[in-house]
Protein backbone atom coordinates (compact mmCIF):
# COMPACT_ATOMS: atom_id res chain seq x y z
CA MET A 1 -100.75 14.53 -205.00
CA ARG A 2 -101.42 11.05 -206.79
CA ARG A 3 -98.98 12.36 -209.32
CA THR A 4 -96.00 13.13 -206.84
CA LEU A 5 -96.69 9.66 -205.12
CA LEU A 6 -96.26 7.80 -208.33
CA VAL A 7 -93.11 9.74 -209.26
CA THR A 8 -91.84 8.87 -205.80
CA ALA A 9 -92.77 5.41 -206.07
CA LEU A 10 -91.09 5.12 -209.53
CA ILE A 11 -87.84 6.89 -208.38
CA ALA A 12 -87.77 4.59 -205.30
CA ALA A 13 -88.35 1.50 -207.73
CA GLY A 14 -85.55 2.77 -209.96
CA TYR A 15 -83.19 3.01 -206.95
CA ALA A 16 -84.01 -0.37 -205.47
CA GLY A 17 -83.33 -2.12 -208.94
CA SER A 18 -80.01 -0.55 -209.14
CA VAL A 19 -78.77 -1.75 -205.65
CA PRO A 20 -76.26 -4.43 -206.40
CA ALA A 21 -76.77 -8.05 -205.34
CA ALA A 22 -74.95 -9.01 -201.94
CA PRO A 23 -72.20 -11.52 -202.54
CA VAL A 24 -73.23 -15.11 -201.82
CA THR A 25 -70.85 -17.38 -199.70
CA TYR A 26 -70.70 -21.05 -200.43
CA THR A 27 -68.87 -23.86 -198.40
CA VAL A 28 -66.91 -26.23 -200.16
CA GLU A 29 -68.44 -29.82 -200.11
CA PRO A 30 -65.07 -32.11 -199.06
CA GLY A 31 -67.00 -35.34 -200.46
CA HIS A 32 -67.04 -33.73 -204.07
CA THR A 33 -63.99 -31.62 -204.16
CA TYR A 34 -60.88 -33.17 -205.44
CA PRO A 35 -57.59 -31.17 -205.77
CA SER A 36 -55.22 -33.09 -207.96
CA PHE A 37 -51.64 -32.93 -209.52
CA LYS A 38 -49.37 -34.29 -212.18
CA ALA A 39 -45.96 -33.79 -211.58
CA GLN A 40 -42.75 -35.37 -213.33
CA HIS A 41 -40.91 -38.03 -211.84
CA LEU A 42 -37.12 -38.09 -212.64
CA GLY A 43 -38.13 -36.86 -216.22
CA ILE A 44 -39.05 -40.34 -217.43
CA SER A 45 -42.82 -40.53 -216.31
CA TYR A 46 -45.57 -38.44 -214.71
CA TRP A 47 -47.00 -39.24 -211.10
CA ARG A 48 -50.48 -38.19 -210.53
CA GLY A 49 -52.04 -37.79 -207.00
CA LYS A 50 -54.85 -36.15 -205.20
CA PHE A 51 -55.64 -34.85 -201.86
CA ASN A 52 -58.45 -36.66 -199.90
CA LYS A 53 -59.39 -33.72 -197.49
CA SER A 54 -60.09 -30.26 -198.17
CA ALA A 55 -62.20 -27.37 -196.90
CA GLY A 56 -62.86 -23.65 -197.68
CA THR A 57 -65.19 -21.04 -199.00
CA VAL A 58 -66.12 -19.54 -202.24
CA VAL A 59 -67.78 -16.11 -202.17
CA LEU A 60 -69.48 -14.91 -205.59
CA ASP A 61 -70.72 -11.47 -206.40
CA ARG A 62 -72.26 -11.91 -209.70
CA GLU A 63 -73.44 -8.35 -209.98
CA ALA A 64 -70.14 -7.00 -209.43
CA GLN A 65 -68.58 -10.03 -211.61
CA THR A 66 -66.06 -10.71 -209.00
CA GLY A 67 -65.33 -13.17 -205.88
CA THR A 68 -62.82 -14.91 -203.51
CA VAL A 69 -61.62 -18.32 -203.18
CA ASP A 70 -60.12 -19.64 -199.82
CA ILE A 71 -59.02 -23.26 -199.68
CA THR A 72 -57.34 -25.42 -197.08
CA ILE A 73 -55.78 -28.73 -198.14
CA ASP A 74 -54.78 -31.36 -195.34
CA ALA A 75 -51.35 -32.37 -196.57
CA ALA A 76 -51.07 -35.61 -194.87
CA SER A 77 -54.34 -36.71 -197.18
CA VAL A 78 -52.05 -36.90 -200.24
CA ASP A 79 -52.70 -40.14 -202.37
CA PHE A 80 -50.77 -41.50 -205.21
CA GLY A 81 -52.56 -44.70 -205.12
CA HIS A 82 -49.41 -46.26 -204.25
CA ASP A 83 -48.78 -47.04 -200.47
CA LYS A 84 -44.90 -46.55 -200.56
CA MET A 85 -45.13 -43.30 -202.42
CA ASN A 86 -47.97 -42.07 -200.13
CA GLU A 87 -45.71 -42.70 -196.91
CA HIS A 88 -42.60 -41.02 -198.46
CA ALA A 89 -44.57 -37.93 -199.63
CA LEU A 90 -45.43 -37.02 -195.80
CA LYS A 91 -41.39 -36.90 -195.13
CA GLU A 92 -39.20 -33.88 -194.96
CA ASP A 93 -38.17 -33.87 -198.47
CA PHE A 94 -41.44 -34.02 -199.87
CA PHE A 95 -44.55 -32.27 -198.10
CA HIS A 96 -42.88 -32.43 -194.58
CA VAL A 97 -46.36 -32.59 -192.86
CA GLY A 98 -44.96 -32.65 -189.64
CA LYS A 99 -43.81 -29.02 -189.91
CA TYR A 100 -46.39 -27.83 -192.90
CA PRO A 101 -49.59 -29.68 -192.20
CA GLU A 102 -51.71 -27.59 -194.55
CA ILE A 103 -51.46 -26.27 -197.98
CA THR A 104 -53.36 -23.08 -198.80
CA TYR A 105 -55.01 -21.39 -202.12
CA LYS A 106 -56.42 -17.91 -201.74
CA GLY A 107 -57.32 -15.87 -204.71
CA THR A 108 -59.65 -13.60 -206.57
CA ILE A 109 -62.06 -14.66 -209.32
CA GLY A 110 -62.44 -12.88 -212.44
CA PHE A 111 -65.39 -13.02 -214.59
CA ASP A 112 -65.46 -13.03 -218.65
CA ASP A 113 -69.09 -12.62 -220.20
CA GLY A 114 -70.73 -12.76 -216.99
CA GLU A 115 -69.44 -16.17 -215.79
CA PRO A 116 -66.41 -16.86 -213.65
CA ASP A 117 -63.11 -17.93 -215.89
CA GLU A 118 -60.14 -17.56 -213.77
CA VAL A 119 -58.68 -17.32 -210.27
CA LYS A 120 -55.59 -15.18 -209.64
CA GLY A 121 -54.31 -16.35 -206.32
CA GLU A 122 -51.33 -17.42 -203.91
CA LEU A 123 -50.56 -20.99 -203.43
CA THR A 124 -48.78 -21.53 -199.92
CA MET A 125 -46.81 -24.98 -199.64
CA LEU A 126 -43.91 -25.71 -197.37
CA GLY A 127 -44.05 -22.33 -195.76
CA VAL A 128 -43.67 -20.59 -199.29
CA THR A 129 -46.12 -18.46 -201.03
CA LYS A 130 -46.17 -18.05 -204.63
CA PRO A 131 -48.76 -16.68 -207.26
CA VAL A 132 -50.69 -19.37 -209.26
CA LYS A 133 -53.43 -18.77 -211.74
CA LEU A 134 -56.16 -21.04 -212.34
CA ASP A 135 -58.20 -21.09 -215.47
CA ILE A 136 -61.66 -22.17 -214.98
CA ARG A 137 -62.86 -24.61 -217.57
CA SER A 138 -66.27 -25.19 -216.56
CA PHE A 139 -68.62 -23.62 -214.05
CA LYS A 140 -72.38 -24.20 -213.32
CA CYS A 141 -74.97 -23.66 -210.52
CA ILE A 142 -78.00 -25.68 -209.99
CA GLU A 143 -80.41 -26.32 -207.23
CA HIS A 144 -79.05 -29.56 -205.25
CA PRO A 145 -81.74 -32.10 -206.18
CA MET A 146 -81.59 -33.63 -202.67
CA LEU A 147 -80.41 -30.85 -200.37
CA LYS A 148 -82.66 -28.24 -201.96
CA VAL A 149 -80.03 -25.51 -201.80
CA GLU A 150 -77.96 -23.84 -204.53
CA VAL A 151 -74.82 -25.70 -205.30
CA CYS A 152 -72.13 -24.68 -207.80
CA GLY A 153 -69.25 -26.67 -209.27
CA ALA A 154 -66.29 -25.89 -211.37
CA ASP A 155 -63.33 -27.64 -212.97
CA ALA A 156 -60.13 -25.60 -212.83
CA GLU A 157 -56.41 -26.07 -213.83
CA GLY A 158 -53.13 -24.28 -213.37
CA GLU A 159 -49.46 -24.81 -213.35
CA PHE A 160 -46.68 -24.02 -210.84
CA ASN A 161 -43.10 -25.39 -210.39
CA ARG A 162 -42.27 -27.39 -207.07
CA TRP A 163 -38.94 -26.28 -206.99
CA ASP A 164 -40.12 -22.81 -206.17
CA PHE A 165 -41.55 -24.10 -202.79
CA GLY A 166 -38.31 -25.97 -202.10
CA MET A 167 -39.73 -29.47 -203.25
CA LYS A 168 -37.00 -30.78 -205.34
CA TYR A 169 -37.19 -34.71 -204.62
CA GLY A 170 -37.71 -36.65 -207.97
CA ALA A 171 -37.05 -33.55 -209.99
CA PRO A 172 -33.26 -33.07 -210.40
CA THR A 173 -33.58 -29.86 -212.38
CA HIS A 174 -35.82 -26.55 -212.14
CA GLU A 175 -37.52 -27.70 -215.61
CA LEU A 176 -38.57 -31.10 -214.27
CA GLY A 177 -40.03 -29.36 -211.22
CA LYS A 178 -43.29 -28.07 -213.38
CA ALA A 179 -46.38 -29.60 -211.99
CA MET A 180 -49.98 -29.42 -213.01
CA ILE A 181 -52.72 -28.79 -210.55
CA GLU A 182 -56.48 -29.60 -211.36
CA ILE A 183 -59.16 -28.90 -208.81
CA GLN A 184 -62.86 -30.26 -209.27
CA ILE A 185 -64.83 -28.35 -206.77
CA GLU A 186 -68.48 -28.06 -205.66
CA ALA A 187 -69.62 -25.69 -202.79
CA LEU A 188 -72.97 -25.41 -201.25
CA ARG A 189 -74.74 -21.98 -200.58
CA LYS A 190 -74.51 -20.76 -197.25
CA ASN A 191 -76.50 -17.53 -197.21
């Protein structure tokens, strides 16, 4: 009888150990998340800018080595560090924030050697949705020293062509429409 109980306990322990961990949801920390970009201006220089307001969630399932990203950016929070350019960027020939107040990015996280290394997703801007892949250059999770909850941070980059979204201002040819996007992100564990 004792032997049967021992075997049953070991089998149960084996099954319990093989149950995959649940996915963990993280809430994007807006004060420590900076979607930024670099785009050519008339083919003679590069303009750099960032968005000051963003929100979203990241879901990670480390056991299954997968996850998702869902980010919303306030297009009106664009900041080139140049007042006149900021004002112009809100207009119809640029971000057209009156009609398209949000930019979104939704994607699936891919892992390599147990760590997130890319996001294959879709960027929606000016009412147009196109695939944009982000390469994750760094990723780390720690216990937040003040909030005492897990926080994860990542740095990712990708490339897209703004002509594909209908944004041609300052880029007279398709070749000059190439833009780089970089995202520094921190997110706090929710569950």
